[in-house]
Amino acid sequence: MSKGLDERNKANRGFNHPLTGRLLCPAKLDYMDLSIQQQLKSGDNDEIQGLLRSELLVQAYKCIFLGPSAWVRKDGKSKTTRASKAVLCEMDRVTTRSLAYVAVLTYFAMSSSENNQKSGATFELSAMYWQIVNMLEDDDLKEEADALLLWWNQQIHPSKLAREAASTTCSIQSSS
């Protein structure tokens, strides 16, 4: 049984804590394997398979943009009567920048970093954000980025994609 997270001290988060380490571990790796844990703690892991595709990020996205109660619902809709951030900002699709924002916030929440001060910081969250955005908006990675955004929109807006697909099918059939 692992000890819970200390809200005041983040030093034991990230790969330093069994729960957060398991959540941060790439899905295709076995976090129960002690050699994998050591590899992840040391940073000697170049696995990018499944990059930005995790249930943890999906739940964080739903909580941030669809509202706190949306993450527990399969249909992605919030039970609250207040408009979500996505509605207020007219966000009907996952974008590269909204995905980068969620990834950075989730990383910070799960990491052992106490803050993101620019002076003396070993890791800047703003640099992480722009690295993700630049990677996803790189013309050389357009196909991979499009596939990633399609996957994300299937997770966040599945009913909207189904309506669009049905509408496209109907218009193709009527023009034939």
N, C-alpha and C. Protein backbone atom coordinates (compact mmCIF):
# COMPACT_ATOMS: atom_id res chain seq x y z
N MET A 1 0.86 -1.18 0.00
CA MET A 1 0.00 0.00 0.00
C MET A 1 0.89 1.23 0.00
N SER A 2 0.67 2.12 -0.94
CA SER A 2 1.51 3.31 -1.02
C SER A 2 0.89 4.46 -0.24
N LYS A 3 1.76 5.31 0.23
CA LYS A 3 1.36 6.49 0.98
C LYS A 3 0.73 7.50 0.02
N GLY A 4 -0.30 8.23 0.48
CA GLY A 4 -0.96 9.22 -0.35
C GLY A 4 -0.06 10.39 -0.70
N LEU A 5 -0.53 11.23 -1.59
CA LEU A 5 0.22 12.41 -2.01
C LEU A 5 0.12 13.51 -0.96
N ASP A 6 1.23 14.15 -0.70
CA ASP A 6 1.27 15.28 0.22
C ASP A 6 0.98 16.54 -0.60
N GLU A 7 -0.11 17.24 -0.26
CA GLU A 7 -0.51 18.44 -1.01
C GLU A 7 0.52 19.56 -0.91
N ARG A 8 1.30 19.59 0.15
CA ARG A 8 2.24 20.69 0.37
C ARG A 8 3.61 20.42 -0.22
N ASN A 9 3.95 19.17 -0.46
CA ASN A 9 5.29 18.83 -0.91
C ASN A 9 5.20 17.98 -2.18
N LYS A 10 5.70 18.54 -3.29
CA LYS A 10 5.63 17.81 -4.55
C LYS A 10 6.88 16.99 -4.84
N ALA A 11 7.84 17.00 -3.95
CA ALA A 11 9.11 16.29 -4.19
C ALA A 11 8.90 14.79 -4.38
N ASN A 12 7.84 14.24 -3.82
CA ASN A 12 7.60 12.81 -3.93
C ASN A 12 6.54 12.47 -4.97
N ARG A 13 6.39 13.33 -5.96
CA ARG A 13 5.47 13.05 -7.07
C ARG A 13 6.27 12.63 -8.29
N GLY A 14 5.61 12.61 -9.43
CA GLY A 14 6.29 12.18 -10.65
C GLY A 14 6.62 10.70 -10.54
N PHE A 15 7.78 10.31 -11.04
CA PHE A 15 8.18 8.90 -10.95
C PHE A 15 8.72 8.55 -9.57
N ASN A 16 8.72 9.52 -8.64
CA ASN A 16 9.15 9.27 -7.26
C ASN A 16 8.03 8.69 -6.40
N HIS A 17 6.82 8.62 -6.91
CA HIS A 17 5.69 8.09 -6.14
C HIS A 17 5.05 6.97 -6.96
N PRO A 18 4.69 5.85 -6.32
CA PRO A 18 4.13 4.72 -7.08
C PRO A 18 2.86 5.06 -7.87
N LEU A 19 1.97 5.85 -7.30
CA LEU A 19 0.72 6.18 -7.99
C LEU A 19 0.97 7.10 -9.18
N THR A 20 1.65 8.22 -8.97
CA THR A 20 1.88 9.15 -10.07
C THR A 20 2.82 8.54 -11.10
N GLY A 21 3.77 7.74 -10.65
CA GLY A 21 4.66 7.06 -11.59
C GLY A 21 3.90 6.13 -12.51
N ARG A 22 2.96 5.38 -11.95
CA ARG A 22 2.15 4.46 -12.76
C ARG A 22 1.29 5.23 -13.75
N LEU A 23 0.74 6.39 -13.34
CA LEU A 23 -0.09 7.20 -14.23
C LEU A 23 0.72 7.85 -15.35
N LEU A 24 1.97 8.18 -15.07
CA LEU A 24 2.83 8.82 -16.07
C LEU A 24 3.51 7.82 -17.00
N CYS A 25 3.55 6.58 -16.61
CA CYS A 25 4.23 5.54 -17.39
C CYS A 25 3.53 5.34 -18.74
N PRO A 26 4.29 5.30 -19.85
CA PRO A 26 3.67 5.00 -21.14
C PRO A 26 2.91 3.68 -21.07
N ALA A 27 1.75 3.64 -21.71
CA ALA A 27 0.84 2.50 -21.60
C ALA A 27 1.47 1.18 -22.04
N LYS A 28 2.40 1.22 -22.98
CA LYS A 28 2.95 -0.04 -23.48
C LYS A 28 4.05 -0.60 -22.59
N LEU A 29 4.44 0.14 -21.55
CA LEU A 29 5.47 -0.34 -20.63
C LEU A 29 4.82 -0.89 -19.36
N ASP A 30 5.45 -1.88 -18.74
CA ASP A 30 4.96 -2.48 -17.50
C ASP A 30 5.59 -1.76 -16.32
N TYR A 31 4.82 -0.87 -15.69
CA TYR A 31 5.37 -0.08 -14.58
C TYR A 31 5.71 -0.93 -13.36
N MET A 32 5.13 -2.12 -13.26
CA MET A 32 5.44 -2.99 -12.12
C MET A 32 6.85 -3.57 -12.23
N ASP A 33 7.45 -3.54 -13.41
CA ASP A 33 8.82 -4.01 -13.62
C ASP A 33 9.78 -2.97 -13.03
N LEU A 34 10.56 -3.36 -12.03
CA LEU A 34 11.46 -2.43 -11.33
C LEU A 34 12.49 -1.81 -12.27
N SER A 35 12.94 -2.54 -13.29
CA SER A 35 13.91 -1.96 -14.23
C SER A 35 13.26 -0.85 -15.05
N ILE A 36 11.98 -0.99 -15.38
CA ILE A 36 11.25 0.07 -16.10
C ILE A 36 11.13 1.29 -15.20
N GLN A 37 10.81 1.08 -13.91
CA GLN A 37 10.70 2.20 -12.97
C GLN A 37 12.02 2.96 -12.89
N GLN A 38 13.13 2.24 -12.79
CA GLN A 38 14.45 2.88 -12.73
C GLN A 38 14.74 3.65 -14.01
N GLN A 39 14.42 3.05 -15.14
CA GLN A 39 14.64 3.69 -16.44
C GLN A 39 13.85 4.99 -16.52
N LEU A 40 12.59 4.96 -16.10
CA LEU A 40 11.76 6.16 -16.14
C LEU A 40 12.25 7.23 -15.17
N LYS A 41 12.67 6.81 -13.98
CA LYS A 41 13.19 7.77 -13.00
C LYS A 41 14.46 8.45 -13.50
N SER A 42 15.29 7.70 -14.23
CA SER A 42 16.56 8.26 -14.71
C SER A 42 16.38 9.11 -15.96
N GLY A 43 15.24 8.99 -16.62
CA GLY A 43 15.01 9.76 -17.83
C GLY A 43 15.59 9.11 -19.07
N ASP A 44 16.06 7.86 -18.97
CA ASP A 44 16.65 7.15 -20.11
C ASP A 44 15.58 6.41 -20.91
N ASN A 45 14.52 7.10 -21.28
CA ASN A 45 13.43 6.44 -21.99
C ASN A 45 13.05 7.29 -23.19
N ASP A 46 13.27 6.77 -24.37
CA ASP A 46 12.94 7.53 -25.57
C ASP A 46 11.65 7.02 -26.23
N GLU A 47 10.81 6.36 -25.46
CA GLU A 47 9.55 5.86 -25.98
C GLU A 47 8.62 7.03 -26.28
N ILE A 48 8.17 7.13 -27.52
CA ILE A 48 7.20 8.17 -27.85
C ILE A 48 5.91 7.57 -28.40
N GLN A 49 5.88 6.24 -28.45
CA GLN A 49 4.67 5.57 -28.91
C GLN A 49 3.51 5.95 -27.99
N GLY A 50 2.44 6.43 -28.57
CA GLY A 50 1.29 6.82 -27.77
C GLY A 50 1.43 8.20 -27.14
N LEU A 51 2.38 9.00 -27.65
CA LEU A 51 2.60 10.34 -27.12
C LEU A 51 1.30 11.15 -27.11
N LEU A 52 0.97 11.72 -25.99
CA LEU A 52 -0.21 12.56 -25.77
C LEU A 52 -1.53 11.80 -25.92
N ARG A 53 -1.47 10.48 -25.83
CA ARG A 53 -2.69 9.66 -25.88
C ARG A 53 -2.77 8.86 -24.58
N SER A 54 -3.45 9.41 -23.62
CA SER A 54 -3.62 8.68 -22.36
C SER A 54 -4.95 9.05 -21.73
N GLU A 55 -5.47 8.11 -20.99
CA GLU A 55 -6.73 8.34 -20.30
C GLU A 55 -6.61 9.49 -19.29
N LEU A 56 -5.44 9.61 -18.67
CA LEU A 56 -5.21 10.69 -17.71
C LEU A 56 -5.36 12.06 -18.40
N LEU A 57 -4.75 12.23 -19.58
CA LEU A 57 -4.86 13.49 -20.30
C LEU A 57 -6.29 13.75 -20.77
N VAL A 58 -6.98 12.70 -21.20
CA VAL A 58 -8.37 12.85 -21.64
C VAL A 58 -9.23 13.33 -20.47
N GLN A 59 -9.05 12.72 -19.31
CA GLN A 59 -9.84 13.14 -18.14
C GLN A 59 -9.50 14.57 -17.73
N ALA A 60 -8.22 14.93 -17.81
CA ALA A 60 -7.82 16.31 -17.47
C ALA A 60 -8.43 17.30 -18.46
N TYR A 61 -8.42 16.96 -19.75
CA TYR A 61 -9.01 17.83 -20.77
C TYR A 61 -10.49 18.05 -20.48
N LYS A 62 -11.19 16.96 -20.20
CA LYS A 62 -12.62 17.06 -19.92
C LYS A 62 -12.87 17.92 -18.69
N CYS A 63 -12.07 17.73 -17.66
CA CYS A 63 -12.25 18.51 -16.44
C CYS A 63 -12.01 19.99 -16.68
N ILE A 64 -10.96 20.32 -17.43
CA ILE A 64 -10.59 21.72 -17.67
C ILE A 64 -11.58 22.40 -18.62
N PHE A 65 -11.89 21.77 -19.74
CA PHE A 65 -12.68 22.44 -20.78
C PHE A 65 -14.17 22.12 -20.77
N LEU A 66 -14.56 20.95 -20.26
CA LEU A 66 -15.97 20.59 -20.27
C LEU A 66 -16.62 20.71 -18.90
N GLY A 67 -15.81 20.89 -17.88
CA GLY A 67 -16.34 21.04 -16.53
C GLY A 67 -15.96 19.87 -15.66
N PRO A 68 -15.90 20.07 -14.35
CA PRO A 68 -15.43 19.05 -13.43
C PRO A 68 -16.26 17.77 -13.41
N SER A 69 -17.53 17.85 -13.71
CA SER A 69 -18.35 16.64 -13.66
C SER A 69 -18.29 15.85 -14.97
N ALA A 70 -17.76 16.43 -16.05
CA ALA A 70 -17.75 15.76 -17.35
C ALA A 70 -16.81 14.57 -17.39
N TRP A 71 -15.77 14.59 -16.61
CA TRP A 71 -14.77 13.52 -16.71
C TRP A 71 -15.31 12.16 -16.28
N VAL A 72 -16.40 12.13 -15.54
CA VAL A 72 -16.94 10.85 -15.12
C VAL A 72 -18.00 10.31 -16.07
N ARG A 73 -18.45 11.12 -17.01
CA ARG A 73 -19.49 10.70 -17.93
C ARG A 73 -18.91 10.21 -19.23
N LYS A 74 -19.42 9.11 -19.73
CA LYS A 74 -18.95 8.52 -20.99
C LYS A 74 -19.30 9.39 -22.19
N ASP A 75 -20.42 10.12 -22.12
CA ASP A 75 -20.84 10.91 -23.27
C ASP A 75 -20.11 12.25 -23.36
N GLY A 76 -19.27 12.56 -22.38
CA GLY A 76 -18.48 13.79 -22.41
C GLY A 76 -19.25 15.04 -22.07
N LYS A 77 -20.51 14.90 -21.68
CA LYS A 77 -21.32 16.07 -21.35
C LYS A 77 -21.28 16.31 -19.85
N SER A 78 -21.36 17.57 -19.49
CA SER A 78 -21.33 17.96 -18.09
C SER A 78 -22.74 17.94 -17.50
N LYS A 79 -22.82 17.63 -16.22
CA LYS A 79 -24.10 17.63 -15.53
C LYS A 79 -24.46 19.04 -15.03
N THR A 80 -23.51 19.95 -15.07
CA THR A 80 -23.75 21.28 -14.52
C THR A 80 -24.59 22.12 -15.47
N THR A 81 -25.18 23.17 -14.93
CA THR A 81 -26.00 24.07 -15.75
C THR A 81 -25.18 25.25 -16.26
N ARG A 82 -24.02 25.49 -15.68
CA ARG A 82 -23.15 26.57 -16.17
C ARG A 82 -22.48 26.15 -17.47
N ALA A 83 -22.26 27.11 -18.33
CA ALA A 83 -21.57 26.81 -19.59
C ALA A 83 -20.11 26.46 -19.31
N SER A 84 -19.61 25.48 -20.02
CA SER A 84 -18.21 25.07 -19.85
C SER A 84 -17.29 26.07 -20.54
N LYS A 85 -16.01 25.96 -20.26
CA LYS A 85 -15.02 26.80 -20.93
C LYS A 85 -15.04 26.57 -22.43
N ALA A 86 -15.25 25.33 -22.84
CA ALA A 86 -15.30 25.02 -24.28
C ALA A 86 -16.48 25.74 -24.94
N VAL A 87 -17.62 25.77 -24.29
CA VAL A 87 -18.78 26.46 -24.85
C VAL A 87 -18.54 27.96 -24.86
N LEU A 88 -18.04 28.50 -23.76
CA LEU A 88 -17.79 29.94 -23.68
C LEU A 88 -16.78 30.41 -24.72
N CYS A 89 -15.81 29.56 -25.03
CA CYS A 89 -14.76 29.92 -26.01
C CYS A 89 -15.07 29.39 -27.41
N GLU A 90 -16.27 28.83 -27.59
CA GLU A 90 -16.70 28.28 -28.87
C GLU A 90 -15.71 27.24 -29.41
N MET A 91 -15.25 26.37 -28.51
CA MET A 91 -14.32 25.30 -28.87
C MET A 91 -15.13 24.04 -29.16
N ASP A 92 -15.28 23.70 -30.42
CA ASP A 92 -16.00 22.48 -30.76
C ASP A 92 -15.07 21.38 -31.23
N ARG A 93 -13.78 21.64 -31.17
CA ARG A 93 -12.76 20.65 -31.53
C ARG A 93 -11.56 20.81 -30.61
N VAL A 94 -10.84 19.72 -30.44
CA VAL A 94 -9.57 19.76 -29.72
C VAL A 94 -8.56 20.38 -30.67
N THR A 95 -7.79 21.33 -30.18
CA THR A 95 -6.76 21.98 -31.00
C THR A 95 -5.38 21.61 -30.47
N THR A 96 -4.38 21.86 -31.29
CA THR A 96 -3.01 21.57 -30.84
C THR A 96 -2.68 22.36 -29.58
N ARG A 97 -3.13 23.60 -29.52
CA ARG A 97 -2.80 24.44 -28.37
C ARG A 97 -3.58 24.07 -27.12
N SER A 98 -4.83 23.67 -27.27
CA SER A 98 -5.57 23.23 -26.08
C SER A 98 -4.99 21.91 -25.56
N LEU A 99 -4.54 21.06 -26.47
CA LEU A 99 -3.91 19.80 -26.07
C LEU A 99 -2.59 20.06 -25.35
N ALA A 100 -1.79 20.98 -25.89
CA ALA A 100 -0.51 21.33 -25.24
C ALA A 100 -0.76 21.91 -23.85
N TYR A 101 -1.77 22.76 -23.72
CA TYR A 101 -2.12 23.38 -22.44
C TYR A 101 -2.45 22.31 -21.39
N VAL A 102 -3.28 21.34 -21.78
CA VAL A 102 -3.67 20.27 -20.86
C VAL A 102 -2.46 19.41 -20.50
N ALA A 103 -1.62 19.11 -21.48
CA ALA A 103 -0.43 18.29 -21.22
C ALA A 103 0.49 18.97 -20.22
N VAL A 104 0.68 20.27 -20.36
CA VAL A 104 1.56 21.01 -19.45
C VAL A 104 0.96 21.06 -18.04
N LEU A 105 -0.33 21.38 -17.95
CA LEU A 105 -0.97 21.43 -16.62
C LEU A 105 -0.93 20.06 -15.94
N THR A 106 -1.18 19.01 -16.71
CA THR A 106 -1.16 17.66 -16.14
C THR A 106 0.25 17.28 -15.72
N TYR A 107 1.22 17.61 -16.55
CA TYR A 107 2.62 17.34 -16.19
C TYR A 107 2.97 18.03 -14.87
N PHE A 108 2.63 19.31 -14.76
CA PHE A 108 2.96 20.05 -13.54
C PHE A 108 2.26 19.45 -12.32
N ALA A 109 0.98 19.11 -12.48
CA ALA A 109 0.23 18.54 -11.36
C ALA A 109 0.82 17.21 -10.91
N MET A 110 1.32 16.42 -11.86
CA MET A 110 1.85 15.10 -11.53
C MET A 110 3.33 15.11 -11.18
N SER A 111 4.02 16.18 -11.53
CA SER A 111 5.47 16.21 -11.32
C SER A 111 5.84 16.54 -9.88
N SER A 112 7.10 16.42 -9.59
CA SER A 112 7.59 16.76 -8.26
C SER A 112 8.05 18.21 -8.18
N SER A 113 7.88 18.98 -9.27
CA SER A 113 8.28 20.39 -9.28
C SER A 113 7.37 21.22 -8.38
N GLU A 114 8.00 22.09 -7.58
CA GLU A 114 7.23 22.95 -6.68
C GLU A 114 6.64 24.15 -7.43
N ASN A 115 7.36 24.67 -8.42
CA ASN A 115 6.88 25.83 -9.17
C ASN A 115 7.58 25.87 -10.52
N ASN A 116 7.26 26.88 -11.29
CA ASN A 116 7.88 27.05 -12.60
C ASN A 116 8.53 28.42 -12.68
N GLN A 117 9.45 28.66 -11.80
CA GLN A 117 10.15 29.94 -11.83
C GLN A 117 11.20 29.90 -12.93
N LYS A 118 11.30 31.00 -13.68
CA LYS A 118 12.25 31.03 -14.79
C LYS A 118 13.68 31.04 -14.31
N SER A 119 13.97 31.78 -13.27
CA SER A 119 15.36 31.85 -12.82
C SER A 119 15.72 30.63 -12.00
N GLY A 120 16.68 29.89 -12.48
CA GLY A 120 17.16 28.72 -11.76
C GLY A 120 16.34 27.47 -11.97
N ALA A 121 15.27 27.56 -12.75
CA ALA A 121 14.45 26.39 -12.99
C ALA A 121 15.17 25.42 -13.92
N THR A 122 15.03 24.14 -13.64
CA THR A 122 15.65 23.14 -14.51
C THR A 122 14.71 22.77 -15.65
N PHE A 123 13.45 23.12 -15.54
CA PHE A 123 12.48 22.76 -16.55
C PHE A 123 11.43 23.85 -16.62
N GLU A 124 11.27 24.47 -17.77
CA GLU A 124 10.28 25.53 -17.94
C GLU A 124 9.04 24.99 -18.62
N LEU A 125 7.91 25.18 -17.97
CA LEU A 125 6.66 24.69 -18.51
C LEU A 125 6.28 25.42 -19.79
N SER A 126 6.61 26.70 -19.89
CA SER A 126 6.29 27.43 -21.12
C SER A 126 7.07 26.86 -22.30
N ALA A 127 8.30 26.42 -22.06
CA ALA A 127 9.09 25.80 -23.13
C ALA A 127 8.46 24.47 -23.53
N MET A 128 7.95 23.73 -22.55
CA MET A 128 7.28 22.47 -22.85
C MET A 128 6.05 22.71 -23.72
N TYR A 129 5.27 23.73 -23.36
CA TYR A 129 4.08 24.08 -24.13
C TYR A 129 4.44 24.36 -25.59
N TRP A 130 5.43 25.22 -25.79
CA TRP A 130 5.79 25.60 -27.16
C TRP A 130 6.44 24.45 -27.92
N GLN A 131 7.14 23.56 -27.24
CA GLN A 131 7.70 22.39 -27.92
C GLN A 131 6.58 21.49 -28.44
N ILE A 132 5.56 21.30 -27.64
CA ILE A 132 4.42 20.47 -28.06
C ILE A 132 3.70 21.13 -29.24
N VAL A 133 3.42 22.43 -29.11
CA VAL A 133 2.74 23.16 -30.19
C VAL A 133 3.56 23.10 -31.48
N ASN A 134 4.84 23.41 -31.39
CA ASN A 134 5.69 23.40 -32.59
C ASN A 134 5.76 22.01 -33.22
N MET A 135 5.83 20.98 -32.39
CA MET A 135 5.87 19.62 -32.92
C MET A 135 4.57 19.30 -33.66
N LEU A 136 3.43 19.64 -33.05
CA LEU A 136 2.14 19.30 -33.65
C LEU A 136 1.79 20.17 -34.86
N GLU A 137 2.42 21.34 -34.96
CA GLU A 137 2.15 22.23 -36.10
C GLU A 137 3.25 22.17 -37.15
N ASP A 138 4.19 21.25 -37.01
CA ASP A 138 5.28 21.06 -37.96
C ASP A 138 4.73 20.39 -39.22
N ASP A 139 4.99 20.97 -40.38
CA ASP A 139 4.50 20.41 -41.64
C ASP A 139 4.97 18.98 -41.87
N ASP A 140 6.17 18.64 -41.40
CA ASP A 140 6.71 17.30 -41.58
C ASP A 140 5.96 16.25 -40.77
N LEU A 141 5.23 16.69 -39.74
CA LEU A 141 4.49 15.75 -38.88
C LEU A 141 2.97 15.92 -39.02
N LYS A 142 2.54 16.54 -40.13
CA LYS A 142 1.12 16.84 -40.31
C LYS A 142 0.25 15.59 -40.24
N GLU A 143 0.67 14.52 -40.89
CA GLU A 143 -0.13 13.29 -40.89
C GLU A 143 -0.29 12.73 -39.48
N GLU A 144 0.81 12.70 -38.71
CA GLU A 144 0.75 12.19 -37.34
C GLU A 144 -0.09 13.12 -36.45
N ALA A 145 0.06 14.44 -36.64
CA ALA A 145 -0.71 15.40 -35.84
C ALA A 145 -2.20 15.29 -36.15
N ASP A 146 -2.54 15.15 -37.44
CA ASP A 146 -3.95 14.99 -37.82
C ASP A 146 -4.54 13.73 -37.20
N ALA A 147 -3.78 12.63 -37.21
CA ALA A 147 -4.25 11.38 -36.61
C ALA A 147 -4.43 11.55 -35.10
N LEU A 148 -3.51 12.25 -34.47
CA LEU A 148 -3.61 12.50 -33.03
C LEU A 148 -4.84 13.34 -32.70
N LEU A 149 -5.07 14.41 -33.47
CA LEU A 149 -6.23 15.27 -33.21
C LEU A 149 -7.54 14.53 -33.50
N LEU A 150 -7.55 13.67 -34.50
CA LEU A 150 -8.74 12.85 -34.75
C LEU A 150 -9.01 11.96 -33.55
N TRP A 151 -7.96 11.30 -33.04
CA TRP A 151 -8.11 10.45 -31.85
C TRP A 151 -8.66 11.27 -30.69
N TRP A 152 -8.11 12.47 -30.48
CA TRP A 152 -8.56 13.32 -29.38
C TRP A 152 -10.02 13.73 -29.55
N ASN A 153 -10.39 14.11 -30.75
CA ASN A 153 -11.77 14.52 -30.98
C ASN A 153 -12.74 13.35 -30.83
N GLN A 154 -12.28 12.14 -31.12
CA GLN A 154 -13.11 10.96 -30.86
C GLN A 154 -13.31 10.76 -29.35
N GLN A 155 -12.33 11.12 -28.55
CA GLN A 155 -12.43 10.98 -27.10
C GLN A 155 -13.30 12.09 -26.49
N ILE A 156 -13.14 13.30 -26.98
CA ILE A 156 -13.79 14.47 -26.35
C ILE A 156 -15.14 14.79 -26.98
N HIS A 157 -15.25 14.70 -28.29
CA HIS A 157 -16.48 15.08 -29.00
C HIS A 157 -16.99 13.94 -29.89
N PRO A 158 -17.21 12.75 -29.34
CA PRO A 158 -17.59 11.62 -30.21
C PRO A 158 -18.92 11.82 -30.92
N SER A 159 -19.91 12.43 -30.28
CA SER A 159 -21.21 12.60 -30.92
C SER A 159 -21.14 13.62 -32.05
N LYS A 160 -20.32 14.65 -31.91
CA LYS A 160 -20.14 15.66 -32.97
C LYS A 160 -19.50 15.01 -34.19
N LEU A 161 -18.48 14.18 -33.99
CA LEU A 161 -17.83 13.50 -35.12
C LEU A 161 -18.80 12.54 -35.81
N ALA A 162 -19.64 11.87 -35.03
CA ALA A 162 -20.61 10.95 -35.62
C ALA A 162 -21.62 11.72 -36.47
N ARG A 163 -22.09 12.88 -35.97
CA ARG A 163 -23.03 13.71 -36.75
C ARG A 163 -22.38 14.18 -38.04
N GLU A 164 -21.11 14.62 -37.95
CA GLU A 164 -20.40 15.08 -39.15
C GLU A 164 -20.22 13.95 -40.15
N ALA A 165 -19.89 12.76 -39.68
CA ALA A 165 -19.71 11.62 -40.57
C ALA A 165 -21.02 11.27 -41.25
N ALA A 166 -22.11 11.28 -40.50
CA ALA A 166 -23.43 10.97 -41.06
C ALA A 166 -23.82 12.03 -42.08
N SER A 167 -23.55 13.28 -41.79
CA SER A 167 -23.87 14.38 -42.70
C SER A 167 -23.06 14.26 -43.99
N THR A 168 -21.79 13.90 -43.88
CA THR A 168 -20.94 13.72 -45.05
C THR A 168 -21.45 12.56 -45.89
N THR A 169 -21.82 11.46 -45.25
CA THR A 169 -22.33 10.28 -45.95
C THR A 169 -23.63 10.63 -46.68
N CYS A 170 -24.52 11.37 -46.02
CA CYS A 170 -25.78 11.76 -46.65
C CYS A 170 -25.56 12.66 -47.86
N SER A 171 -24.64 13.62 -47.75
CA SER A 171 -24.39 14.54 -48.86
C SER A 171 -23.72 13.82 -50.02
N ILE A 172 -22.88 12.84 -49.75
CA ILE A 172 -22.22 12.06 -50.81
C ILE A 172 -23.26 11.21 -51.54
N GLN A 173 -24.16 10.58 -50.77
CA GLN A 173 -25.19 9.73 -51.37
C GLN A 173 -26.18 10.55 -52.19
N SER A 174 -26.55 11.75 -51.72
CA SER A 174 -27.52 12.57 -52.45
C SER A 174 -26.92 13.17 -53.72
N SER A 175 -25.60 13.33 -53.76
CA SER A 175 -24.97 13.89 -54.96
C SER A 175 -24.67 12.81 -56.00
N SER A 176 -24.83 11.53 -55.62
CA SER A 176 -24.55 10.43 -56.56
C SER A 176 -25.67 10.20 -57.51
